[in-house]
């Protein structure tokens, strides 16, 4: 199980077993995607890994798959900043 959030949209964590995350109709700007491992009781097992993504144009759709962000602007490799995170 993992927990994620797009920090600029929601301060709450979303807990899921899904490996793909979709965000729709985002305005142009900088977004901070955070991801952390959890156990089945939603207890955090690691510090969040952080990926910062910038788009100069509005996005109709952005999908996070593993360490790749796929958006209207193309496909981008996501470099997570917290190397202590474990998944």
C-alpha atoms as a PDB file:
ATOM      1  CA  UNK A   1       0.000   0.000   0.000  1.00  0.00           C
ATOM      2  CA  UNK A   2       1.125   3.557  -0.698  1.00  0.00           C
ATOM      3  CA  UNK A   3      -0.079   7.030   0.168  1.00  0.00           C
ATOM      4  CA  UNK A   4       0.216   9.997  -2.190  1.00  0.00           C
ATOM      5  CA  UNK A   5      -0.812  13.597  -2.515  1.00  0.00           C
ATOM      6  CA  UNK A   6      -0.402  16.458  -4.929  1.00  0.00           C
ATOM      7  CA  UNK A   7       0.481  18.979  -2.266  1.00  0.00           C
ATOM      8  CA  UNK A   8      -0.854  22.082  -4.032  1.00  0.00           C
ATOM      9  CA  UNK A   9      -4.300  20.484  -4.512  1.00  0.00           C
ATOM     10  CA  UNK A  10      -4.876  18.702  -1.229  1.00  0.00           C
ATOM     11  CA  UNK A  11      -3.052  18.471   2.081  1.00  0.00           C
ATOM     12  CA  UNK A  12      -4.650  15.077   2.809  1.00  0.00           C
ATOM     13  CA  UNK A  13      -2.961  11.795   1.873  1.00  0.00           C
ATOM     14  CA  UNK A  14      -4.754   9.285  -0.377  1.00  0.00           C
ATOM     15  CA  UNK A  15      -4.122   5.633   0.577  1.00  0.00           C
ATOM     16  CA  UNK A  16      -4.285   3.080  -2.239  1.00  0.00           C
ATOM     17  CA  UNK A  17      -2.939  -0.127  -3.724  1.00  0.00           C
ATOM     18  CA  UNK A  18      -3.184   1.369  -7.215  1.00  0.00           C
ATOM     19  CA  UNK A  19       0.130   2.025  -8.977  1.00  0.00           C
ATOM     20  CA  UNK A  20      -1.250   4.696 -11.316  1.00  0.00           C
ATOM     21  CA  UNK A  21      -2.525   8.113 -10.261  1.00  0.00           C
ATOM     22  CA  UNK A  22      -4.553  10.443 -12.496  1.00  0.00           C
ATOM     23  CA  UNK A  23      -4.976  14.189 -12.056  1.00  0.00           C
ATOM     24  CA  UNK A  24      -7.290  16.081 -14.396  1.00  0.00           C
ATOM     25  CA  UNK A  25      -7.604  19.728 -15.428  1.00  0.00           C
ATOM     26  CA  UNK A  26      -4.582  21.207 -13.654  1.00  0.00           C
ATOM     27  CA  UNK A  27      -3.674  24.847 -14.087  1.00  0.00           C
ATOM     28  CA  UNK A  28      -0.194  25.821 -15.269  1.00  0.00           C
ATOM     29  CA  UNK A  29       2.256  25.890 -12.392  1.00  0.00           C
ATOM     30  CA  UNK A  30       4.551  23.924 -10.133  1.00  0.00           C
ATOM     31  CA  UNK A  31       3.260  20.800  -8.417  1.00  0.00           C
ATOM     32  CA  UNK A  32       4.789  18.719  -5.635  1.00  0.00           C
ATOM     33  CA  UNK A  33       3.901  15.029  -5.887  1.00  0.00           C
ATOM     34  CA  UNK A  34       4.643  13.092  -2.692  1.00  0.00           C
ATOM     35  CA  UNK A  35       4.608   9.319  -2.291  1.00  0.00           C
ATOM     36  CA  UNK A  36       5.214   7.118   0.752  1.00  0.00           C
ATOM     37  CA  UNK A  37       4.928   3.438   1.635  1.00  0.00           C
ATOM     38  CA  UNK A  38       2.326   2.306   4.198  1.00  0.00           C
ATOM     39  CA  UNK A  39       1.237  -0.932   5.769  1.00  0.00           C
ATOM     40  CA  UNK A  40      -2.312  -2.290   5.427  1.00  0.00           C
ATOM     41  CA  UNK A  41      -3.407  -0.227   8.448  1.00  0.00           C
ATOM     42  CA  UNK A  42      -2.358   3.043   6.728  1.00  0.00           C
ATOM     43  CA  UNK A  43       0.638   3.402   9.040  1.00  0.00           C
ATOM     44  CA  UNK A  44       3.536   5.181   7.324  1.00  0.00           C
ATOM     45  CA  UNK A  45       6.544   2.967   6.677  1.00  0.00           C
ATOM     46  CA  UNK A  46       8.814   5.603   5.140  1.00  0.00           C
ATOM     47  CA  UNK A  47       9.389   9.308   4.734  1.00  0.00           C
ATOM     48  CA  UNK A  48       7.726  10.641   1.570  1.00  0.00           C
ATOM     49  CA  UNK A  49       9.594  10.695  -1.716  1.00  0.00           C
ATOM     50  CA  UNK A  50       9.133  14.088  -3.387  1.00  0.00           C
ATOM     51  CA  UNK A  51       8.926  14.912  -7.084  1.00  0.00           C
ATOM     52  CA  UNK A  52       8.486  18.517  -8.240  1.00  0.00           C
ATOM     53  CA  UNK A  53       6.837  18.992 -11.648  1.00  0.00           C
ATOM     54  CA  UNK A  54       6.447  22.258 -13.567  1.00  0.00           C
ATOM     55  CA  UNK A  55       4.063  22.905 -16.443  1.00  0.00           C
ATOM     56  CA  UNK A  56       3.927  26.226 -18.291  1.00  0.00           C
ATOM     57  CA  UNK A  57       0.504  25.396 -19.764  1.00  0.00           C
ATOM     58  CA  UNK A  58      -2.703  24.030 -18.220  1.00  0.00           C
ATOM     59  CA  UNK A  59      -2.944  20.217 -18.209  1.00  0.00           C
ATOM     60  CA  UNK A  60      -6.113  18.344 -19.113  1.00  0.00           C
ATOM     61  CA  UNK A  61      -4.563  15.164 -17.748  1.00  0.00           C
ATOM     62  CA  UNK A  62      -1.478  14.117 -15.776  1.00  0.00           C
ATOM     63  CA  UNK A  63      -0.770  10.478 -14.883  1.00  0.00           C
ATOM     64  CA  UNK A  64       1.953   9.307 -12.495  1.00  0.00           C
ATOM     65  CA  UNK A  65       3.186   5.777 -13.247  1.00  0.00           C
ATOM     66  CA  UNK A  66       6.153   4.689 -11.150  1.00  0.00           C
ATOM     67  CA  UNK A  67       8.807   7.354 -11.667  1.00  0.00           C
ATOM     68  CA  UNK A  68       7.272   8.692 -14.907  1.00  0.00           C
ATOM     69  CA  UNK A  69       4.838  11.573 -15.303  1.00  0.00           C
ATOM     70  CA  UNK A  70       2.763  11.443 -18.483  1.00  0.00           C
ATOM     71  CA  UNK A  71       0.939  14.654 -19.323  1.00  0.00           C
ATOM     72  CA  UNK A  72      -0.418  16.700 -22.201  1.00  0.00           C
ATOM     73  CA  UNK A  73       3.121  18.126 -22.461  1.00  0.00           C
ATOM     74  CA  UNK A  74       4.682  14.703 -23.060  1.00  0.00           C
ATOM     75  CA  UNK A  75       6.394  12.121 -20.914  1.00  0.00           C
ATOM     76  CA  UNK A  76       8.788  13.173 -18.136  1.00  0.00           C
ATOM     77  CA  UNK A  77      11.027  11.146 -15.861  1.00  0.00           C
ATOM     78  CA  UNK A  78      10.371  12.005 -12.229  1.00  0.00           C
ATOM     79  CA  UNK A  79      13.438  12.234  -9.996  1.00  0.00           C
ATOM     80  CA  UNK A  80      12.389  11.779  -6.392  1.00  0.00           C
ATOM     81  CA  UNK A  81      14.334  13.987  -3.979  1.00  0.00           C
ATOM     82  CA  UNK A  82      14.143  11.837  -0.846  1.00  0.00           C
ATOM     83  CA  UNK A  83      16.540   8.952  -1.338  1.00  0.00           C
ATOM     84  CA  UNK A  84      15.658   7.507   2.095  1.00  0.00           C
ATOM     85  CA  UNK A  85      12.140   6.587   0.979  1.00  0.00           C
ATOM     86  CA  UNK A  86      11.583   2.837   0.654  1.00  0.00           C
ATOM     87  CA  UNK A  87       8.794   1.176  -1.340  1.00  0.00           C
END
